[in-house]
Amino acid sequence: MTTTEAAAIDWITRVYSTNPIATLLGAQPLACDPEAGRITIAFEAKPEFCNLLGTVQGGMLAAMLDL
């Protein structure tokens, strides 16, 4: 991990820690390429996000993409 990547991940981690939606979704930054404008984020697919078939509801997926 480069210094730039580490700094970007540190920054987004701090931002997410104060964002209620990021907290609700369990957002966890994993990797970042600031020069390419890319970030990889893991989310927690909680049972309360699922529909009756047991898959994550589309609205929750959209919220994850929108974050």
C-alpha atoms as a PDB file:
ATOM      1  CA  MET A   1       0.000   0.000   0.000  1.00  0.00           C
ATOM      2  CA  THR A   2       1.392   3.395  -0.963  1.00  0.00           C
ATOM      3  CA  THR A   3       1.440   6.416   1.338  1.00  0.00           C
ATOM      4  CA  THR A   4      -1.175   8.092  -0.857  1.00  0.00           C
ATOM      5  CA  GLU A   5      -3.440   5.035  -0.703  1.00  0.00           C
ATOM      6  CA  ALA A   6      -3.020   4.737   3.060  1.00  0.00           C
ATOM      7  CA  ALA A   7      -3.830   8.427   3.531  1.00  0.00           C
ATOM      8  CA  ALA A   8      -6.944   8.122   1.356  1.00  0.00           C
ATOM      9  CA  ILE A   9      -8.167   5.042   3.228  1.00  0.00           C
ATOM     10  CA  ASP A  10      -7.525   6.771   6.550  1.00  0.00           C
ATOM     11  CA  TRP A  11      -9.493   9.828   5.401  1.00  0.00           C
ATOM     12  CA  ILE A  12     -12.511   7.870   4.121  1.00  0.00           C
ATOM     13  CA  THR A  13     -12.504   5.717   7.274  1.00  0.00           C
ATOM     14  CA  ARG A  14     -12.739   8.887   9.379  1.00  0.00           C
ATOM     15  CA  VAL A  15     -15.502  10.295   7.160  1.00  0.00           C
ATOM     16  CA  TYR A  16     -17.481   7.039   7.300  1.00  0.00           C
ATOM     17  CA  SER A  17     -17.149   6.876  11.091  1.00  0.00           C
ATOM     18  CA  THR A  18     -19.320  10.007  11.381  1.00  0.00           C
ATOM     19  CA  ASN A  19     -21.747   9.108   8.587  1.00  0.00           C
ATOM     20  CA  PRO A  20     -24.884   7.334   9.869  1.00  0.00           C
ATOM     21  CA  ILE A  21     -25.591   5.627   6.528  1.00  0.00           C
ATOM     22  CA  ALA A  22     -22.033   4.306   6.218  1.00  0.00           C
ATOM     23  CA  THR A  23     -22.301   3.029   9.781  1.00  0.00           C
ATOM     24  CA  LEU A  24     -25.683   1.382   9.120  1.00  0.00           C
ATOM     25  CA  LEU A  25     -24.317  -0.331   6.004  1.00  0.00           C
ATOM     26  CA  GLY A  26     -21.138  -1.443   7.772  1.00  0.00           C
ATOM     27  CA  ALA A  27     -18.943   0.279   5.162  1.00  0.00           C
ATOM     28  CA  GLN A  28     -15.290  -0.742   5.395  1.00  0.00           C
ATOM     29  CA  PRO A  29     -12.764   0.738   2.913  1.00  0.00           C
ATOM     30  CA  LEU A  30     -10.387  -1.980   1.687  1.00  0.00           C
ATOM     31  CA  ALA A  31      -8.308  -0.427  -1.086  1.00  0.00           C
ATOM     32  CA  CYS A  32      -7.990   2.890  -2.842  1.00  0.00           C
ATOM     33  CA  ASP A  33      -6.281   4.225  -5.970  1.00  0.00           C
ATOM     34  CA  PRO A  34      -6.655   8.023  -5.745  1.00  0.00           C
ATOM     35  CA  GLU A  35      -4.911   8.575  -9.077  1.00  0.00           C
ATOM     36  CA  ALA A  36      -7.403   6.332 -10.896  1.00  0.00           C
ATOM     37  CA  GLY A  37     -10.343   7.555  -8.796  1.00  0.00           C
ATOM     38  CA  ARG A  38     -11.163   4.039  -7.563  1.00  0.00           C
ATOM     39  CA  ILE A  39     -12.028   2.672  -4.154  1.00  0.00           C
ATOM     40  CA  THR A  40     -12.998  -0.802  -2.950  1.00  0.00           C
ATOM     41  CA  ILE A  41     -15.445  -0.886  -0.049  1.00  0.00           C
ATOM     42  CA  ALA A  42     -16.912  -3.897   1.768  1.00  0.00           C
ATOM     43  CA  PHE A  43     -20.424  -3.714   3.200  1.00  0.00           C
ATOM     44  CA  GLU A  44     -22.157  -5.879   5.784  1.00  0.00           C
ATOM     45  CA  ALA A  45     -25.247  -7.613   4.363  1.00  0.00           C
ATOM     46  CA  LYS A  46     -27.293  -7.677   7.557  1.00  0.00           C
ATOM     47  CA  PRO A  47     -30.353  -9.935   7.835  1.00  0.00           C
ATOM     48  CA  GLU A  48     -32.623  -6.895   8.176  1.00  0.00           C
ATOM     49  CA  PHE A  49     -31.495  -5.780   4.684  1.00  0.00           C
ATOM     50  CA  CYS A  50     -32.924  -8.949   3.103  1.00  0.00           C
ATOM     51  CA  ASN A  51     -36.222  -9.558   1.373  1.00  0.00           C
ATOM     52  CA  LEU A  52     -38.489 -12.560   1.964  1.00  0.00           C
ATOM     53  CA  LEU A  53     -36.311 -14.723  -0.299  1.00  0.00           C
ATOM     54  CA  GLY A  54     -33.251 -13.996   1.850  1.00  0.00           C
ATOM     55  CA  THR A  55     -31.356 -11.838  -0.634  1.00  0.00           C
ATOM     56  CA  VAL A  56     -30.337  -8.239  -0.051  1.00  0.00           C
ATOM     57  CA  GLN A  57     -33.072  -5.858  -1.212  1.00  0.00           C
ATOM     58  CA  GLY A  58     -32.313  -3.781  -4.288  1.00  0.00           C
ATOM     59  CA  GLY A  59     -32.800  -0.540  -2.375  1.00  0.00           C
ATOM     60  CA  MET A  60     -30.082  -1.524   0.083  1.00  0.00           C
ATOM     61  CA  LEU A  61     -27.738  -2.404  -2.792  1.00  0.00           C
ATOM     62  CA  ALA A  62     -28.491   0.993  -4.351  1.00  0.00           C
ATOM     63  CA  ALA A  63     -27.668   2.681  -1.026  1.00  0.00           C
ATOM     64  CA  MET A  64     -24.344   0.827  -0.957  1.00  0.00           C
ATOM     65  CA  LEU A  65     -23.544   1.967  -4.505  1.00  0.00           C
ATOM     66  CA  ASP A  66     -24.611   5.517  -3.698  1.00  0.00           C
ATOM     67  CA  LEU A  67     -22.355   5.807  -0.678  1.00  0.00           C
END
